[in-house]
């Protein structure tokens, strides 16, 4: 297991990092959309959870939520295209 330690906030380096670099949810969302984490690959879930010190159950739950959210977004975009196409026909 890696050696984790805390650094006082006034000593935390911020020159080359954004605020979201240490936010597990943000990092998980980026990893999901770049296809580094997948709900069907337990190894990717366990690797991410070890790196960001998050329980694998919560990582998997959020990945499944992102899958549902992306399907919903895709369906909404498809319906909007269909509606636009039907308006052009009229």
N, C-alpha and C. Protein backbone atom coordinates (compact mmCIF):
# COMPACT_ATOMS: atom_id res chain seq x y z
N UNK A 1 0.85 -1.18 0.00
CA UNK A 1 0.00 0.00 0.00
C UNK A 1 0.89 1.24 0.00
N UNK A 2 0.54 2.24 -0.81
CA UNK A 2 1.36 3.44 -0.86
C UNK A 2 1.37 4.19 0.47
N UNK A 3 2.39 4.96 0.67
CA UNK A 3 2.52 5.75 1.89
C UNK A 3 1.85 7.10 1.67
N UNK A 4 0.73 7.33 2.33
CA UNK A 4 0.00 8.59 2.20
C UNK A 4 0.33 9.47 3.40
N UNK A 5 0.42 10.74 3.15
CA UNK A 5 0.65 11.67 4.24
C UNK A 5 -0.05 12.98 3.92
N UNK A 6 -0.32 13.74 4.96
CA UNK A 6 -0.98 15.02 4.79
C UNK A 6 0.05 16.14 4.79
N UNK A 7 -0.25 17.14 4.00
CA UNK A 7 0.59 18.33 3.95
C UNK A 7 -0.29 19.49 4.38
N UNK A 8 0.20 20.36 5.24
CA UNK A 8 -0.60 21.54 5.61
C UNK A 8 -0.99 22.33 4.37
N UNK A 9 -2.16 22.93 4.40
CA UNK A 9 -2.68 23.60 3.20
C UNK A 9 -1.76 24.68 2.68
N UNK A 10 -1.05 25.37 3.57
CA UNK A 10 -0.17 26.46 3.12
C UNK A 10 1.12 25.93 2.48
N UNK A 11 1.37 24.63 2.60
CA UNK A 11 2.56 24.03 1.98
C UNK A 11 2.20 23.20 0.75
N UNK A 12 0.94 23.11 0.42
CA UNK A 12 0.50 22.32 -0.72
C UNK A 12 0.88 23.03 -2.02
N UNK A 13 1.63 22.37 -2.88
CA UNK A 13 2.00 23.01 -4.15
C UNK A 13 0.80 23.13 -5.08
N UNK A 14 0.62 24.28 -5.67
CA UNK A 14 -0.53 24.48 -6.58
C UNK A 14 -0.10 25.02 -7.93
N UNK A 15 1.20 25.14 -8.19
CA UNK A 15 1.66 25.73 -9.43
C UNK A 15 1.27 24.91 -10.66
N UNK A 16 1.40 23.61 -10.60
CA UNK A 16 1.18 22.78 -11.78
C UNK A 16 -0.08 21.92 -11.68
N UNK A 17 -0.94 22.23 -10.74
CA UNK A 17 -2.14 21.43 -10.54
C UNK A 17 -3.37 22.33 -10.49
N UNK A 18 -4.49 21.77 -10.92
CA UNK A 18 -5.75 22.48 -10.74
C UNK A 18 -6.37 21.98 -9.43
N UNK A 19 -7.39 22.67 -8.98
CA UNK A 19 -8.05 22.30 -7.74
C UNK A 19 -8.63 20.89 -7.83
N UNK A 20 -9.11 20.50 -9.00
CA UNK A 20 -9.77 19.22 -9.17
C UNK A 20 -8.83 18.03 -9.23
N UNK A 21 -7.53 18.26 -9.23
CA UNK A 21 -6.59 17.15 -9.31
C UNK A 21 -6.72 16.16 -8.17
N UNK A 22 -7.21 16.61 -7.03
CA UNK A 22 -7.32 15.73 -5.86
C UNK A 22 -8.76 15.34 -5.54
N UNK A 23 -9.68 15.62 -6.43
CA UNK A 23 -11.08 15.30 -6.21
C UNK A 23 -11.40 13.97 -6.89
N UNK A 24 -11.64 12.91 -6.12
CA UNK A 24 -11.87 11.59 -6.71
C UNK A 24 -13.04 11.55 -7.69
N UNK A 25 -14.13 12.24 -7.40
CA UNK A 25 -15.28 12.19 -8.30
C UNK A 25 -14.93 12.81 -9.65
N UNK A 26 -14.24 13.93 -9.65
CA UNK A 26 -13.83 14.58 -10.89
C UNK A 26 -12.89 13.66 -11.67
N UNK A 27 -11.92 13.08 -10.98
CA UNK A 27 -10.96 12.20 -11.63
C UNK A 27 -11.63 10.95 -12.19
N UNK A 28 -12.62 10.43 -11.47
CA UNK A 28 -13.33 9.25 -11.94
C UNK A 28 -14.14 9.57 -13.18
N UNK A 29 -14.75 10.73 -13.21
CA UNK A 29 -15.53 11.13 -14.39
C UNK A 29 -14.61 11.27 -15.60
N UNK A 30 -13.45 11.87 -15.42
CA UNK A 30 -12.50 11.99 -16.53
C UNK A 30 -11.99 10.62 -16.97
N UNK A 31 -11.70 9.75 -16.02
CA UNK A 31 -11.21 8.41 -16.35
C UNK A 31 -12.29 7.61 -17.08
N UNK A 32 -13.54 7.79 -16.69
CA UNK A 32 -14.63 7.08 -17.34
C UNK A 32 -14.78 7.52 -18.80
N UNK A 33 -14.77 8.82 -19.04
CA UNK A 33 -14.97 9.32 -20.40
C UNK A 33 -13.74 9.11 -21.28
N UNK A 34 -12.58 8.91 -20.69
CA UNK A 34 -11.39 8.58 -21.48
C UNK A 34 -11.21 7.05 -21.56
N UNK A 35 -12.19 6.32 -21.05
CA UNK A 35 -12.27 4.86 -21.10
C UNK A 35 -11.13 4.17 -20.36
N UNK A 36 -10.65 4.78 -19.28
CA UNK A 36 -9.64 4.14 -18.44
C UNK A 36 -10.28 3.32 -17.33
N UNK A 37 -11.54 3.65 -17.00
CA UNK A 37 -12.28 2.93 -15.97
C UNK A 37 -13.59 2.44 -16.60
N UNK A 38 -13.89 1.18 -16.37
CA UNK A 38 -15.10 0.59 -16.95
C UNK A 38 -15.75 -0.31 -15.90
N UNK A 39 -17.07 -0.31 -15.87
CA UNK A 39 -17.77 -1.11 -14.87
C UNK A 39 -17.60 -2.61 -15.10
N UNK A 40 -17.28 -3.01 -16.32
CA UNK A 40 -17.12 -4.44 -16.61
C UNK A 40 -15.69 -4.92 -16.37
N UNK A 41 -14.79 -4.01 -15.96
CA UNK A 41 -13.41 -4.37 -15.67
C UNK A 41 -13.09 -4.12 -14.20
N UNK A 42 -13.22 -5.14 -13.35
CA UNK A 42 -12.98 -4.96 -11.91
C UNK A 42 -11.57 -4.47 -11.59
N UNK A 43 -10.60 -4.82 -12.44
CA UNK A 43 -9.22 -4.38 -12.20
C UNK A 43 -9.11 -2.85 -12.29
N UNK A 44 -9.81 -2.24 -13.24
CA UNK A 44 -9.75 -0.78 -13.37
C UNK A 44 -10.41 -0.10 -12.17
N UNK A 45 -11.47 -0.71 -11.66
CA UNK A 45 -12.16 -0.17 -10.48
C UNK A 45 -11.23 -0.24 -9.27
N UNK A 46 -10.60 -1.39 -9.06
CA UNK A 46 -9.73 -1.55 -7.89
C UNK A 46 -8.48 -0.67 -7.99
N UNK A 47 -7.95 -0.51 -9.19
CA UNK A 47 -6.78 0.36 -9.38
C UNK A 47 -7.13 1.81 -9.05
N UNK A 48 -8.28 2.27 -9.55
CA UNK A 48 -8.70 3.64 -9.27
C UNK A 48 -8.97 3.82 -7.78
N UNK A 49 -9.65 2.88 -7.17
CA UNK A 49 -9.99 3.03 -5.75
C UNK A 49 -8.73 3.03 -4.87
N UNK A 50 -7.71 2.28 -5.26
CA UNK A 50 -6.46 2.29 -4.49
C UNK A 50 -5.72 3.60 -4.67
N UNK A 51 -5.75 4.13 -5.88
CA UNK A 51 -5.02 5.38 -6.16
C UNK A 51 -5.65 6.57 -5.44
N UNK A 52 -6.98 6.64 -5.41
CA UNK A 52 -7.67 7.80 -4.83
C UNK A 52 -8.27 7.52 -3.46
N UNK A 53 -7.92 6.39 -2.87
CA UNK A 53 -8.36 6.01 -1.53
C UNK A 53 -9.88 6.11 -1.41
N UNK A 54 -10.57 5.44 -2.29
CA UNK A 54 -12.04 5.40 -2.29
C UNK A 54 -12.47 3.94 -2.26
N UNK A 55 -13.58 3.67 -1.63
CA UNK A 55 -14.06 2.29 -1.56
C UNK A 55 -14.50 1.84 -2.96
N UNK A 56 -14.11 0.62 -3.35
CA UNK A 56 -14.47 0.12 -4.68
C UNK A 56 -15.98 0.12 -4.93
N UNK A 57 -16.78 -0.11 -3.90
CA UNK A 57 -18.23 -0.11 -4.07
C UNK A 57 -18.72 1.26 -4.54
N UNK A 58 -18.17 2.33 -3.96
CA UNK A 58 -18.59 3.67 -4.34
C UNK A 58 -18.08 4.05 -5.72
N UNK A 59 -16.90 3.57 -6.06
CA UNK A 59 -16.36 3.82 -7.40
C UNK A 59 -17.25 3.14 -8.43
N UNK A 60 -17.59 1.88 -8.19
CA UNK A 60 -18.45 1.14 -9.11
C UNK A 60 -19.83 1.79 -9.20
N UNK A 61 -20.40 2.21 -8.08
CA UNK A 61 -21.71 2.86 -8.10
C UNK A 61 -21.69 4.12 -8.96
N UNK A 62 -20.64 4.93 -8.83
CA UNK A 62 -20.57 6.17 -9.60
C UNK A 62 -20.34 5.89 -11.08
N UNK A 63 -19.56 4.87 -11.39
CA UNK A 63 -19.35 4.49 -12.79
C UNK A 63 -20.68 4.04 -13.41
N UNK A 64 -21.45 3.25 -12.67
CA UNK A 64 -22.76 2.82 -13.18
C UNK A 64 -23.69 4.01 -13.36
N UNK A 65 -23.60 4.98 -12.47
CA UNK A 65 -24.39 6.21 -12.61
C UNK A 65 -23.98 6.96 -13.88
N UNK A 66 -22.69 7.04 -14.14
CA UNK A 66 -22.21 7.71 -15.35
C UNK A 66 -22.66 6.99 -16.61
N UNK A 67 -22.71 5.67 -16.56
CA UNK A 67 -23.19 4.90 -17.71
C UNK A 67 -24.65 5.26 -18.00
N UNK A 68 -25.48 5.27 -16.97
CA UNK A 68 -26.89 5.62 -17.14
C UNK A 68 -27.04 7.05 -17.65
N UNK A 69 -26.25 7.95 -17.07
CA UNK A 69 -26.32 9.35 -17.46
C UNK A 69 -25.92 9.55 -18.93
N UNK A 70 -24.90 8.84 -19.38
CA UNK A 70 -24.46 8.98 -20.77
C UNK A 70 -25.48 8.38 -21.73
N UNK A 71 -26.12 7.29 -21.33
CA UNK A 71 -27.19 6.72 -22.17
C UNK A 71 -28.36 7.68 -22.29
N UNK A 72 -28.72 8.31 -21.18
CA UNK A 72 -29.81 9.28 -21.19
C UNK A 72 -29.47 10.46 -22.09
N UNK A 73 -28.25 10.96 -21.97
CA UNK A 73 -27.82 12.08 -22.79
C UNK A 73 -27.83 11.71 -24.27
N UNK A 74 -27.37 10.52 -24.60
CA UNK A 74 -27.35 10.06 -25.98
C UNK A 74 -28.77 9.95 -26.53
N UNK A 75 -29.69 9.43 -25.71
CA UNK A 75 -31.08 9.28 -26.13
C UNK A 75 -31.73 10.66 -26.36
N UNK A 76 -31.42 11.62 -25.48
CA UNK A 76 -31.97 12.97 -25.65
C UNK A 76 -31.46 13.62 -26.93
N UNK A 77 -30.19 13.44 -27.23
CA UNK A 77 -29.63 14.00 -28.46
C UNK A 77 -30.25 13.35 -29.69
N UNK A 78 -30.46 12.05 -29.64
CA UNK A 78 -31.08 11.34 -30.77
C UNK A 78 -32.51 11.81 -30.99
N UNK A 79 -33.26 11.97 -29.89
CA UNK A 79 -34.64 12.46 -30.01
C UNK A 79 -34.67 13.88 -30.56
N UNK A 80 -33.74 14.71 -30.17
CA UNK A 80 -33.68 16.08 -30.69
C UNK A 80 -33.39 16.07 -32.18
N UNK A 81 -32.50 15.20 -32.63
CA UNK A 81 -32.22 15.09 -34.07
C UNK A 81 -33.46 14.61 -34.83
N UNK A 82 -34.16 13.63 -34.27
CA UNK A 82 -35.37 13.13 -34.93
C UNK A 82 -36.43 14.22 -35.02
N UNK A 83 -36.61 14.98 -33.94
CA UNK A 83 -37.59 16.07 -33.96
C UNK A 83 -37.21 17.13 -34.98
N UNK A 84 -35.95 17.46 -35.06
CA UNK A 84 -35.48 18.45 -36.03
C UNK A 84 -35.70 17.96 -37.45
N UNK A 85 -35.44 16.69 -37.68
CA UNK A 85 -35.63 16.11 -39.02
C UNK A 85 -37.11 16.10 -39.38
N UNK A 86 -37.99 15.80 -38.43
CA UNK A 86 -39.42 15.77 -38.73
C UNK A 86 -39.95 17.20 -38.96
N UNK A 87 -39.38 18.20 -38.31
CA UNK A 87 -39.79 19.59 -38.54
C UNK A 87 -39.39 20.05 -39.93
N UNK A 88 -38.23 19.59 -40.43
CA UNK A 88 -37.78 19.97 -41.76
C UNK A 88 -38.65 19.37 -42.84
N UNK A 89 -39.24 18.19 -42.58
CA UNK A 89 -40.09 17.53 -43.57
C UNK A 89 -41.40 18.26 -43.76
N UNK A 90 -41.87 18.94 -42.74
CA UNK A 90 -43.17 19.61 -42.80
C UNK A 90 -43.11 20.87 -43.56
